[in-house]
C-alpha atoms as a PDB file:
ATOM      1  CA  MET A   1      99.331  93.083  61.880  1.00  0.00           C
ATOM      2  CA  PRO A   2     100.589  89.422  69.504  1.00  0.00           C
ATOM      3  CA  GLN A   3     104.191  90.141  69.881  1.00  0.00           C
ATOM      4  CA  GLN A   4     105.268  87.402  72.068  1.00  0.00           C
ATOM      5  CA  ARG A   5     107.890  86.844  69.435  1.00  0.00           C
ATOM      6  CA  GLY A   6     107.274  83.278  70.148  1.00  0.00           C
ATOM      7  CA  SER A   7     103.543  83.936  70.331  1.00  0.00           C
ATOM      8  CA  ARG A   8     101.419  86.695  68.835  1.00  0.00           C
ATOM      9  CA  LEU A   9      99.337  87.762  71.843  1.00  0.00           C
ATOM     10  CA  ARG A  10     100.243  91.413  71.120  1.00  0.00           C
ATOM     11  CA  LEU A  11      99.652  92.519  74.661  1.00  0.00           C
ATOM     12  CA  PRO A  12     100.685  96.146  75.124  1.00  0.00           C
ATOM     13  CA  PHE A  13     104.107  95.524  76.670  1.00  0.00           C
ATOM     14  CA  MET A  14     105.276  92.743  74.361  1.00  0.00           C
ATOM     15  CA  LEU A  15     106.577  95.213  71.785  1.00  0.00           C
ATOM     16  CA  PHE A  16     108.854  96.677  74.472  1.00  0.00           C
ATOM     17  CA  PHE A  17     110.115  93.163  75.199  1.00  0.00           C
ATOM     18  CA  PHE A  18     110.839  92.642  71.522  1.00  0.00           C
ATOM     19  CA  PHE A  19     113.000  95.752  71.281  1.00  0.00           C
ATOM     20  CA  LEU A  20     115.061  94.531  74.232  1.00  0.00           C
ATOM     21  CA  THR A  21     115.688  91.186  72.570  1.00  0.00           C
ATOM     22  CA  ALA A  22     115.786  92.137  68.876  1.00  0.00           C
ATOM     23  CA  SER A  23     119.565  92.215  68.897  1.00  0.00           C
ATOM     24  CA  LEU A  24     119.550  88.456  69.504  1.00  0.00           C
ATOM     25  CA  LEU A  25     117.715  87.687  66.299  1.00  0.00           C
ATOM     26  CA  VAL A  26     119.887  86.716  63.344  1.00  0.00           C
ATOM     27  CA  GLY A  27     118.734  86.650  59.723  1.00  0.00           C
ATOM     28  CA  CYS A  28     119.216  83.395  57.842  1.00  0.00           C
ATOM     29  CA  SER A  29     121.845  83.257  55.122  1.00  0.00           C
ATOM     30  CA  ASP A  30     121.040  80.006  53.343  1.00  0.00           C
ATOM     31  CA  ASN A  31     118.431  81.554  51.055  1.00  0.00           C
ATOM     32  CA  PRO A  32     118.576  83.848  48.002  1.00  0.00           C
ATOM     33  CA  PRO A  33     120.458  87.066  48.904  1.00  0.00           C
ATOM     34  CA  PRO A  34     118.507  90.331  48.867  1.00  0.00           C
ATOM     35  CA  VAL A  35     118.328  92.164  45.569  1.00  0.00           C
ATOM     36  CA  THR A  36     117.992  95.874  46.201  1.00  0.00           C
ATOM     37  CA  GLY A  37     116.166  98.226  43.890  1.00  0.00           C
ATOM     38  CA  GLY A  38     115.154 101.852  44.128  1.00  0.00           C
ATOM     39  CA  HIS A  39     112.081 103.939  43.526  1.00  0.00           C
ATOM     40  CA  PRO A  40     112.459 107.503  42.231  1.00  0.00           C
ATOM     41  CA  VAL A  41     110.596 109.667  44.741  1.00  0.00           C
ATOM     42  CA  TRP A  42     108.611 108.961  47.885  1.00  0.00           C
ATOM     43  CA  THR A  43     106.956 111.118  50.523  1.00  0.00           C
ATOM     44  CA  VAL A  44     106.063 110.126  54.090  1.00  0.00           C
ATOM     45  CA  ALA A  45     103.555 111.940  56.309  1.00  0.00           C
ATOM     46  CA  GLU A  46     102.877 111.109  59.961  1.00  0.00           C
ATOM     47  CA  TYR A  47      99.813 112.016  62.029  1.00  0.00           C
ATOM     48  CA  LYS A  48      99.925 111.952  65.813  1.00  0.00           C
ATOM     49  CA  LEU A  49      96.950 110.398  67.622  1.00  0.00           C
ATOM     50  CA  PRO A  50      94.994 112.711  69.976  1.00  0.00           C
ATOM     51  CA  SER A  51      95.379 110.177  72.812  1.00  0.00           C
ATOM     52  CA  GLN A  52      97.926 107.527  73.778  1.00  0.00           C
ATOM     53  CA  GLY A  53      96.230 104.746  71.818  1.00  0.00           C
ATOM     54  CA  SER A  54      99.086 102.650  70.387  1.00  0.00           C
ATOM     55  CA  PRO A  55      97.564 101.966  66.942  1.00  0.00           C
ATOM     56  CA  GLU A  56      97.777  98.348  65.839  1.00  0.00           C
ATOM     57  CA  SER A  57      95.953  97.289  62.638  1.00  0.00           C
ATOM     58  CA  ILE A  58      94.637  99.443  59.795  1.00  0.00           C
ATOM     59  CA  THR A  59      92.269  98.934  56.857  1.00  0.00           C
ATOM     60  CA  LEU A  60      90.458 100.932  54.189  1.00  0.00           C
ATOM     61  CA  GLY A  61      86.824 101.515  55.059  1.00  0.00           C
ATOM     62  CA  PRO A  62      83.818 101.638  52.723  1.00  0.00           C
ATOM     63  CA  ASP A  63      83.593 105.391  53.353  1.00  0.00           C
ATOM     64  CA  GLY A  64      87.017 106.062  51.804  1.00  0.00           C
ATOM     65  CA  ASN A  65      88.674 106.659  55.176  1.00  0.00           C
ATOM     66  CA  LEU A  66      91.233 104.521  56.983  1.00  0.00           C
ATOM     67  CA  TRP A  67      90.130 102.723  60.150  1.00  0.00           C
ATOM     68  CA  PHE A  68      92.454 101.377  62.803  1.00  0.00           C
ATOM     69  CA  THR A  69      92.496  99.722  66.204  1.00  0.00           C
ATOM     70  CA  GLU A  70      94.010 101.305  69.308  1.00  0.00           C
ATOM     71  CA  LYS A  71      94.954  98.462  71.620  1.00  0.00           C
ATOM     72  CA  VAL A  72      96.216 100.493  74.561  1.00  0.00           C
ATOM     73  CA  GLY A  73      93.601 103.208  74.140  1.00  0.00           C
ATOM     74  CA  ASN A  74      90.728 100.684  73.876  1.00  0.00           C
ATOM     75  CA  GLN A  75      89.364 102.604  70.895  1.00  0.00           C
ATOM     76  CA  ILE A  76      88.709 102.385  67.179  1.00  0.00           C
ATOM     77  CA  GLY A  77      90.165 105.237  65.189  1.00  0.00           C
ATOM     78  CA  ARG A  78      89.359 106.777  61.828  1.00  0.00           C
ATOM     79  CA  ILE A  79      91.624 108.976  59.741  1.00  0.00           C
ATOM     80  CA  THR A  80      90.607 110.796  56.584  1.00  0.00           C
ATOM     81  CA  PRO A  81      92.955 110.931  53.565  1.00  0.00           C
ATOM     82  CA  GLN A  82      93.644 114.531  54.654  1.00  0.00           C
ATOM     83  CA  GLY A  83      94.814 113.376  58.099  1.00  0.00           C
ATOM     84  CA  LYS A  84      91.864 114.248  60.354  1.00  0.00           C
ATOM     85  CA  ILE A  85      91.548 111.686  63.174  1.00  0.00           C
ATOM     86  CA  THR A  86      88.413 110.699  65.099  1.00  0.00           C
ATOM     87  CA  GLU A  87      88.440 108.163  67.947  1.00  0.00           C
ATOM     88  CA  TYR A  88      85.591 105.958  69.186  1.00  0.00           C
ATOM     89  CA  PRO A  89      85.936 104.416  72.672  1.00  0.00           C
ATOM     90  CA  LEU A  90      84.726 100.832  73.046  1.00  0.00           C
ATOM     91  CA  PRO A  91      81.734 100.352  75.336  1.00  0.00           C
ATOM     92  CA  THR A  92      83.567  97.688  77.375  1.00  0.00           C
ATOM     93  CA  SER A  93      86.878  98.478  79.060  1.00  0.00           C
ATOM     94  CA  ASN A  94      90.158  96.616  78.510  1.00  0.00           C
ATOM     95  CA  ARG A  95      89.126  94.791  75.331  1.00  0.00           C
ATOM     96  CA  LEU A  96      92.503  95.207  73.549  1.00  0.00           C
ATOM     97  CA  PRO A  97      91.242  95.683  69.970  1.00  0.00           C
ATOM     98  CA  GLU A  98      93.627  94.081  67.475  1.00  0.00           C
ATOM     99  CA  GLY A  99      92.780  93.219  63.837  1.00  0.00           C
ATOM    100  CA  ILE A 100      90.298  95.156  61.698  1.00  0.00           C
ATOM    101  CA  THR A 101      88.719  94.747  58.260  1.00  0.00           C
ATOM    102  CA  ALA A 102      85.803  96.031  56.198  1.00  0.00           C
ATOM    103  CA  GLY A 103      82.795  93.715  56.110  1.00  0.00           C
ATOM    104  CA  ALA A 104      80.298  92.998  53.352  1.00  0.00           C
ATOM    105  CA  ASP A 105      77.642  94.887  55.330  1.00  0.00           C
ATOM    106  CA  GLY A 106      79.345  98.284  55.057  1.00  0.00           C
ATOM    107  CA  ALA A 107      80.691  98.199  58.617  1.00  0.00           C
ATOM    108  CA  LEU A 108      84.154  97.633  60.065  1.00  0.00           C
ATOM    109  CA  TRP A 109      84.774  94.439  62.038  1.00  0.00           C
ATOM    110  CA  PHE A 110      87.549  93.987  64.561  1.00  0.00           C
ATOM    111  CA  THR A 111      88.932  91.460  67.007  1.00  0.00           C
ATOM    112  CA  GLU A 112      89.318  91.941  70.751  1.00  0.00           C
ATOM    113  CA  LEU A 113      92.186  90.049  72.367  1.00  0.00           C
ATOM    114  CA  ALA A 114      90.139  89.936  75.558  1.00  0.00           C
ATOM    115  CA  GLY A 115      87.822  87.433  73.855  1.00  0.00           C
ATOM    116  CA  GLY A 116      85.395  89.017  71.430  1.00  0.00           C
ATOM    117  CA  ILE A 117      84.571  90.336  67.974  1.00  0.00           C
ATOM    118  CA  GLY A 118      83.419  93.903  67.457  1.00  0.00           C
ATOM    119  CA  ARG A 119      81.528  95.792  64.781  1.00  0.00           C
ATOM    120  CA  ILE A 120      81.567  99.537  64.213  1.00  0.00           C
ATOM    121  CA  SER A 121      79.404 101.324  61.671  1.00  0.00           C
ATOM    122  CA  PRO A 122      80.775 104.309  59.713  1.00  0.00           C
ATOM    123  CA  ASP A 123      78.851 106.617  62.043  1.00  0.00           C
ATOM    124  CA  GLY A 124      80.578 105.132  65.107  1.00  0.00           C
ATOM    125  CA  LYS A 125      77.978 102.753  66.536  1.00  0.00           C
ATOM    126  CA  ILE A 126      79.719  99.784  68.177  1.00  0.00           C
ATOM    127  CA  THR A 127      78.430  96.274  68.879  1.00  0.00           C
ATOM    128  CA  GLU A 128      80.482  93.588  70.651  1.00  0.00           C
ATOM    129  CA  TYR A 129      80.094  89.804  70.385  1.00  0.00           C
ATOM    130  CA  PRO A 130      81.810  87.715  73.085  1.00  0.00           C
ATOM    131  CA  LEU A 131      83.455  84.388  72.251  1.00  0.00           C
ATOM    132  CA  SER A 132      82.720  81.259  74.271  1.00  0.00           C
ATOM    133  CA  ASN A 133      86.364  81.137  75.379  1.00  0.00           C
ATOM    134  CA  PRO A 134      87.507  84.544  76.686  1.00  0.00           C
ATOM    135  CA  ASN A 135      91.128  83.359  76.574  1.00  0.00           C
ATOM    136  CA  SER A 136      91.195  82.451  72.867  1.00  0.00           C
ATOM    137  CA  TYR A 137      92.880  85.756  71.898  1.00  0.00           C
ATOM    138  CA  PRO A 138      91.260  86.452  68.514  1.00  0.00           C
ATOM    139  CA  SER A 139      93.798  88.314  66.434  1.00  0.00           C
ATOM    140  CA  GLU A 140      93.556  88.759  62.647  1.00  0.00           C
ATOM    141  CA  ILE A 141      90.232  89.152  60.829  1.00  0.00           C
ATOM    142  CA  VAL A 142      89.314  89.188  57.124  1.00  0.00           C
ATOM    143  CA  LYS A 143      86.217  89.231  54.964  1.00  0.00           C
ATOM    144  CA  GLY A 144      85.685  85.779  53.472  1.00  0.00           C
ATOM    145  CA  PRO A 145      84.443  84.870  49.991  1.00  0.00           C
ATOM    146  CA  ASP A 146      81.205  83.748  51.634  1.00  0.00           C
ATOM    147  CA  GLY A 147      80.410  87.260  52.905  1.00  0.00           C
ATOM    148  CA  ASN A 148      81.189  86.323  56.512  1.00  0.00           C
ATOM    149  CA  LEU A 149      84.098  87.464  58.664  1.00  0.00           C
ATOM    150  CA  TRP A 150      86.843  84.970  59.487  1.00  0.00           C
ATOM    151  CA  PHE A 151      89.348  85.351  62.300  1.00  0.00           C
ATOM    152  CA  THR A 152      92.265  83.583  63.972  1.00  0.00           C
ATOM    153  CA  GLU A 153      92.200  82.475  67.601  1.00  0.00           C
ATOM    154  CA  HIS A 154      95.752  82.635  68.776  1.00  0.00           C
ATOM    155  CA  THR A 155      95.608  80.308  71.791  1.00  0.00           C
ATOM    156  CA  SER A 156      92.640  77.997  71.162  1.00  0.00           C
ATOM    157  CA  ASN A 157      93.888  76.124  68.066  1.00  0.00           C
ATOM    158  CA  GLN A 158      90.907  77.387  66.047  1.00  0.00           C
ATOM    159  CA  LEU A 159      89.706  79.623  63.257  1.00  0.00           C
ATOM    160  CA  GLY A 160      86.429  81.408  63.782  1.00  0.00           C
ATOM    161  CA  ARG A 161      83.648  82.686  61.546  1.00  0.00           C
ATOM    162  CA  ILE A 162      81.069  85.341  62.383  1.00  0.00           C
ATOM    163  CA  THR A 163      78.114  86.223  60.173  1.00  0.00           C
ATOM    164  CA  PRO A 164      77.016  89.848  59.680  1.00  0.00           C
ATOM    165  CA  GLN A 165      74.188  88.981  62.085  1.00  0.00           C
ATOM    166  CA  GLY A 166      76.663  87.977  64.810  1.00  0.00           C
ATOM    167  CA  LYS A 167      76.458  84.166  64.739  1.00  0.00           C
ATOM    168  CA  ILE A 168      79.825  82.627  65.597  1.00  0.00           C
ATOM    169  CA  THR A 169      81.158  79.237  64.485  1.00  0.00           C
ATOM    170  CA  GLU A 170      84.600  77.875  65.397  1.00  0.00           C
ATOM    171  CA  TYR A 171      86.725  75.297  63.567  1.00  0.00           C
ATOM    172  CA  VAL A 172      89.498  73.274  65.209  1.00  0.00           C
ATOM    173  CA  LEU A 173      92.781  73.245  63.300  1.00  0.00           C
ATOM    174  CA  GLN A 174      94.795  70.072  62.839  1.00  0.00           C
ATOM    175  CA  ALA A 175      98.269  71.147  63.874  1.00  0.00           C
ATOM    176  CA  THR A 176      99.054  71.171  67.588  1.00  0.00           C
ATOM    177  CA  PRO A 177     100.240  73.439  69.040  1.00  0.00           C
ATOM    178  CA  ASN A 178      98.727  76.119  66.847  1.00  0.00           C
ATOM    179  CA  GLN A 179      99.148  79.850  67.268  1.00  0.00           C
ATOM    180  CA  ALA A 180      97.470  81.269  64.186  1.00  0.00           C
ATOM    181  CA  GLU A 181      98.823  84.715  63.343  1.00  0.00           C
ATOM    182  CA  GLY A 182      98.113  86.315  59.970  1.00  0.00           C
ATOM    183  CA  LEU A 183      95.093  85.451  57.833  1.00  0.00           C
ATOM    184  CA  THR A 184      94.118  86.141  54.225  1.00  0.00           C
ATOM    185  CA  ILE A 185      92.020  84.795  51.377  1.00  0.00           C
ATOM    186  CA  GLY A 186      94.054  82.966  48.761  1.00  0.00           C
ATOM    187  CA  PRO A 187      93.564  82.947  44.990  1.00  0.00           C
ATOM    188  CA  ASP A 188      92.015  79.492  45.415  1.00  0.00           C
ATOM    189  CA  GLY A 189      89.266  80.820  47.714  1.00  0.00           C
ATOM    190  CA  ALA A 190      90.797  79.134  50.762  1.00  0.00           C
ATOM    191  CA  LEU A 191      91.830  80.790  54.007  1.00  0.00           C
ATOM    192  CA  TRP A 192      95.592  80.907  54.400  1.00  0.00           C
ATOM    193  CA  PHE A 193      97.175  81.581  57.782  1.00  0.00           C
ATOM    194  CA  THR A 194     100.576  81.679  59.468  1.00  0.00           C
ATOM    195  CA  ASN A 195     101.280  79.467  62.477  1.00  0.00           C
ATOM    196  CA  SER A 196     104.015  80.807  64.752  1.00  0.00           C
ATOM    197  CA  ALA A 197     103.963  77.810  67.091  1.00  0.00           C
ATOM    198  CA  THR A 198     105.054  75.304  64.438  1.00  0.00           C
ATOM    199  CA  GLY A 199     106.697  77.683  61.965  1.00  0.00           C
ATOM    200  CA  SER A 200     104.355  76.865  59.131  1.00  0.00           C
ATOM    201  CA  VAL A 201     101.747  78.257  56.743  1.00  0.00           C
ATOM    202  CA  GLY A 202      98.278  76.730  56.805  1.00  0.00           C
ATOM    203  CA  ARG A 203      95.461  76.417  54.308  1.00  0.00           C
ATOM    204  CA  PHE A 204      91.833  75.996  55.428  1.00  0.00           C
ATOM    205  CA  MET A 205      88.686  75.414  53.417  1.00  0.00           C
ATOM    206  CA  PRO A 206      85.332  76.550  54.840  1.00  0.00           C
ATOM    207  CA  GLU A 207      84.047  72.958  54.806  1.00  0.00           C
ATOM    208  CA  GLY A 208      86.608  72.248  57.499  1.00  0.00           C
ATOM    209  CA  LYS A 209      89.618  70.674  55.772  1.00  0.00           C
ATOM    210  CA  ALA A 210      93.012  72.083  56.803  1.00  0.00           C
ATOM    211  CA  SER A 211      96.595  71.445  55.755  1.00  0.00           C
ATOM    212  CA  GLU A 212      99.920  72.989  56.803  1.00  0.00           C
ATOM    213  CA  PHE A 213     103.240  73.541  55.063  1.00  0.00           C
ATOM    214  CA  PRO A 214     106.342  73.759  57.303  1.00  0.00           C
ATOM    215  CA  LEU A 215     109.050  76.367  56.786  1.00  0.00           C
ATOM    216  CA  LEU A 216     112.687  75.323  56.452  1.00  0.00           C
ATOM    217  CA  LYS A 217     113.261  76.504  60.015  1.00  0.00           C
ATOM    218  CA  PRO A 218     110.473  76.289  62.628  1.00  0.00           C
ATOM    219  CA  ASN A 219     111.685  79.341  64.546  1.00  0.00           C
ATOM    220  CA  ASN A 220     111.276  81.842  61.696  1.00  0.00           C
ATOM    221  CA  PHE A 221     108.076  83.186  63.261  1.00  0.00           C
ATOM    222  CA  PRO A 222     105.768  83.791  60.274  1.00  0.00           C
ATOM    223  CA  GLU A 223     103.516  86.793  60.843  1.00  0.00           C
ATOM    224  CA  GLY A 224     101.481  88.729  58.257  1.00  0.00           C
ATOM    225  CA  ILE A 225     100.270  87.073  55.054  1.00  0.00           C
ATOM    226  CA  ILE A 226      98.590  88.379  51.892  1.00  0.00           C
ATOM    227  CA  ALA A 227      97.611  87.123  48.442  1.00  0.00           C
ATOM    228  CA  GLY A 228     100.063  88.556  45.928  1.00  0.00           C
ATOM    229  CA  PRO A 229      99.502  89.812  42.368  1.00  0.00           C
ATOM    230  CA  ASP A 230     101.387  86.779  41.014  1.00  0.00           C
ATOM    231  CA  GLY A 231      98.844  84.194  42.236  1.00  0.00           C
ATOM    232  CA  ASN A 232     100.974  83.192  45.250  1.00  0.00           C
ATOM    233  CA  LEU A 233     100.815  84.003  48.961  1.00  0.00           C
ATOM    234  CA  TRP A 234     103.454  86.263  50.505  1.00  0.00           C
ATOM    235  CA  PHE A 235     104.261  86.471  54.204  1.00  0.00           C
ATOM    236  CA  THR A 236     106.694  88.025  56.653  1.00  0.00           C
ATOM    237  CA  GLU A 237     109.070  86.057  58.868  1.00  0.00           C
ATOM    238  CA  HIS A 238     109.548  88.161  61.960  1.00  0.00           C
ATOM    239  CA  ALA A 239     112.488  86.350  63.536  1.00  0.00           C
ATOM    240  CA  SER A 240     114.433  85.298  60.429  1.00  0.00           C
ATOM    241  CA  ASN A 241     114.704  88.672  58.706  1.00  0.00           C
ATOM    242  CA  GLN A 242     112.963  87.399  55.569  1.00  0.00           C
ATOM    243  CA  ILE A 243     109.971  87.781  53.286  1.00  0.00           C
ATOM    244  CA  ALA A 244     108.661  84.496  51.905  1.00  0.00           C
ATOM    245  CA  ARG A 245     106.430  83.302  49.106  1.00  0.00           C
ATOM    246  CA  ILE A 246     104.326  80.155  49.036  1.00  0.00           C
ATOM    247  CA  THR A 247     102.556  78.789  45.973  1.00  0.00           C
ATOM    248  CA  PRO A 248      99.010  77.391  46.254  1.00  0.00           C
ATOM    249  CA  GLN A 249     100.687  73.971  45.980  1.00  0.00           C
ATOM    250  CA  GLY A 250     102.822  74.657  49.058  1.00  0.00           C
ATOM    251  CA  LYS A 251     106.288  75.422  47.605  1.00  0.00           C
ATOM    252  CA  ILE A 252     108.080  78.021  49.743  1.00  0.00           C
ATOM    253  CA  THR A 253     110.802  80.474  48.695  1.00  0.00           C
ATOM    254  CA  GLU A 254     112.443  82.851  51.181  1.00  0.00           C
ATOM    255  CA  TYR A 255     114.144  86.199  50.484  1.00  0.00           C
ATOM    256  CA  SER A 256     116.578  87.761  52.972  1.00  0.00           C
ATOM    257  CA  LEU A 257     116.184  91.464  53.781  1.00  0.00           C
ATOM    258  CA  PRO A 258     119.048  93.991  53.634  1.00  0.00           C
ATOM    259  CA  THR A 259     118.530  95.347  57.164  1.00  0.00           C
ATOM    260  CA  GLN A 260     119.360  92.861  59.905  1.00  0.00           C
ATOM    261  CA  ASN A 261     116.993  92.378  62.853  1.00  0.00           C
ATOM    262  CA  CYS A 262     114.352  94.526  61.144  1.00  0.00           C
ATOM    263  CA  GLY A 263     111.336  92.690  62.620  1.00  0.00           C
ATOM    264  CA  ALA A 264     109.148  92.303  59.517  1.00  0.00           C
ATOM    265  CA  MET A 265     105.466  92.220  60.457  1.00  0.00           C
ATOM    266  CA  GLY A 266     102.536  93.440  58.338  1.00  0.00           C
ATOM    267  CA  ILE A 267     102.317  92.973  54.577  1.00  0.00           C
ATOM    268  CA  THR A 268      99.959  94.102  51.810  1.00  0.00           C
ATOM    269  CA  LYS A 269      99.646  94.104  48.048  1.00  0.00           C
ATOM    270  CA  GLY A 270     100.621  97.504  46.672  1.00  0.00           C
ATOM    271  CA  PRO A 271      99.131  99.472  43.788  1.00  0.00           C
ATOM    272  CA  ASP A 272     102.355  98.997  41.804  1.00  0.00           C
ATOM    273  CA  GLY A 273     102.257  95.200  41.632  1.00  0.00           C
ATOM    274  CA  ALA A 274     104.792  94.795  44.454  1.00  0.00           C
ATOM    275  CA  LEU A 275     104.375  93.669  48.073  1.00  0.00           C
ATOM    276  CA  TRP A 276     104.795  96.244  50.839  1.00  0.00           C
ATOM    277  CA  PHE A 277     105.641  95.399  54.439  1.00  0.00           C
ATOM    278  CA  THR A 278     106.517  96.964  57.784  1.00  0.00           C
ATOM    279  CA  GLU A 279     109.765  96.599  59.708  1.00  0.00           C
ATOM    280  CA  ALA A 280     108.874  97.191  63.360  1.00  0.00           C
ATOM    281  CA  ALA A 281     112.399  97.074  64.789  1.00  0.00           C
ATOM    282  CA  SER A 282     114.123  99.210  62.149  1.00  0.00           C
ATOM    283  CA  SER A 283     111.305 101.752  61.657  1.00  0.00           C
ATOM    284  CA  ARG A 284     111.185 101.198  57.912  1.00  0.00           C
ATOM    285  CA  ILE A 285     108.639 100.385  55.247  1.00  0.00           C
ATOM    286  CA  GLY A 286     109.802  97.736  52.797  1.00  0.00           C
ATOM    287  CA  ARG A 287     108.918  96.837  49.233  1.00  0.00           C
ATOM    288  CA  ILE A 288     109.611  93.550  47.454  1.00  0.00           C
ATOM    289  CA  THR A 289     108.829  92.690  43.851  1.00  0.00           C
ATOM    290  CA  ALA A 290     107.686  89.288  42.651  1.00  0.00           C
ATOM    291  CA  GLN A 291     111.295  88.753  41.487  1.00  0.00           C
ATOM    292  CA  GLY A 292     112.703  89.421  44.962  1.00  0.00           C
ATOM    293  CA  ALA A 293     114.078  92.962  44.538  1.00  0.00           C
ATOM    294  CA  VAL A 294     113.883  94.779  47.879  1.00  0.00           C
ATOM    295  CA  THR A 295     113.708  98.506  48.669  1.00  0.00           C
ATOM    296  CA  GLU A 296     113.501  99.962  52.184  1.00  0.00           C
ATOM    297  CA  TYR A 297     112.188 103.394  53.187  1.00  0.00           C
ATOM    298  CA  SER A 298     113.236 104.899  56.528  1.00  0.00           C
ATOM    299  CA  LEU A 299     110.569 106.710  58.539  1.00  0.00           C
ATOM    300  CA  PRO A 300     111.096 110.217  59.979  1.00  0.00           C
ATOM    301  CA  THR A 301     110.284 109.040  63.523  1.00  0.00           C
ATOM    302  CA  PRO A 302     112.940 106.792  65.083  1.00  0.00           C
ATOM    303  CA  SER A 303     111.629 103.741  66.977  1.00  0.00           C
ATOM    304  CA  ALA A 304     108.169 104.275  65.477  1.00  0.00           C
ATOM    305  CA  ALA A 305     107.505 100.503  65.259  1.00  0.00           C
ATOM    306  CA  PRO A 306     105.379 100.361  62.090  1.00  0.00           C
ATOM    307  CA  THR A 307     103.098  97.357  62.439  1.00  0.00           C
ATOM    308  CA  SER A 308     100.180  97.074  60.005  1.00  0.00           C
ATOM    309  CA  ILE A 309      99.965  98.376  56.427  1.00  0.00           C
ATOM    310  CA  THR A 310      97.244  98.755  53.803  1.00  0.00           C
ATOM    311  CA  VAL A 311      96.460 100.644  50.594  1.00  0.00           C
ATOM    312  CA  GLY A 312      94.208 103.683  50.711  1.00  0.00           C
ATOM    313  CA  PRO A 313      92.649 105.998  48.134  1.00  0.00           C
ATOM    314  CA  ASN A 314      94.822 106.979  45.142  1.00  0.00           C
ATOM    315  CA  GLY A 315      97.282 104.167  45.857  1.00  0.00           C
ATOM    316  CA  THR A 316      98.725 105.783  48.985  1.00  0.00           C
ATOM    317  CA  LEU A 317     100.068 103.299  51.532  1.00  0.00           C
ATOM    318  CA  TRP A 318      98.864 103.774  55.105  1.00  0.00           C
ATOM    319  CA  PHE A 319     100.402 102.179  58.174  1.00  0.00           C
ATOM    320  CA  THR A 320     100.265 102.226  61.958  1.00  0.00           C
ATOM    321  CA  GLU A 321     103.172 103.226  64.182  1.00  0.00           C
ATOM    322  CA  SER A 322     102.501 101.402  67.436  1.00  0.00           C
ATOM    323  CA  ARG A 323     105.357 102.848  69.450  1.00  0.00           C
ATOM    324  CA  GLY A 324     105.320 106.241  67.748  1.00  0.00           C
ATOM    325  CA  ASN A 325     101.558 106.519  68.434  1.00  0.00           C
ATOM    326  CA  GLN A 326     101.005 107.758  64.897  1.00  0.00           C
ATOM    327  CA  ILE A 327      99.382 106.880  61.610  1.00  0.00           C
ATOM    328  CA  GLY A 328     101.671 107.189  58.633  1.00  0.00           C
ATOM    329  CA  SER A 329     101.222 107.453  54.870  1.00  0.00           C
ATOM    330  CA  LEU A 330     103.699 106.817  52.075  1.00  0.00           C
ATOM    331  CA  THR A 331     103.118 108.245  48.613  1.00  0.00           C
ATOM    332  CA  LEU A 332     105.152 107.257  45.574  1.00  0.00           C
ATOM    333  CA  SER A 333     105.627 109.426  42.520  1.00  0.00           C
ATOM    334  CA  LYS A 334     104.557 108.103  39.138  1.00  0.00           C
END
């Protein structure tokens, strides 16, 4: 879910740069130690893409399939729960599709790092909407409580909104510099986002009021963020080897992970009441409970670089493997 690892531009070669430098990252030790816990049985399946697409973000579509972006391949992909993959090339070349989400209109909406927002219907029809600033690097996108789509602009210090009809409005954020990364809707109806430039978590109301809450260390590189089942927000810290929780009032708690230099990235709320996340550098899927107990699941493919994760039909977890060029699924036994 822009791997500048110091910026989240997520250009195709930044992940390679991260793997070269991951050994320099050191997890913090001044926070609660990891509490490990197991799960009885789990099964992982991996599905190779037909082309060299480098899948990035993934979401559950209204048709019951999983939809994902292919940044290198300049395509949108679809995979059925049975593993059948279909790819849809974008009409404009070199758009670098990044985030993706299901809209209120029954279509899938996605960001283009090259400066646009895209829409694809379940039958594969694609429409693209350019932003006024082609260098704003729109990254994450979510469906808002107002029925519109909201997205981060990584380099323009803004959040954007696009209606199902394609009208775009942009809102300037207060903190400078601002490199908005992850984005989600909080239990309070506000938009919550991570800011890698200042090492903080931000809260934004649609009427335009924003506030930010700094982390204990500004270089922790917060990435993905999601509303948890406990009424708090949970997010990954890519450079500090931690998963963190923030209350709607802004109180932050950080939990160290067992595997050092794991490169935590995407995060989602699981069907079991826990939070699930990807570890791009260690090729693992992680699970953390609301009490801080952590379990890690190794993937069959080494150096797969799992990036984004979501929940699909029947509670199966689906994730992208950017470097492995695969879509993966993880099924837990009851």
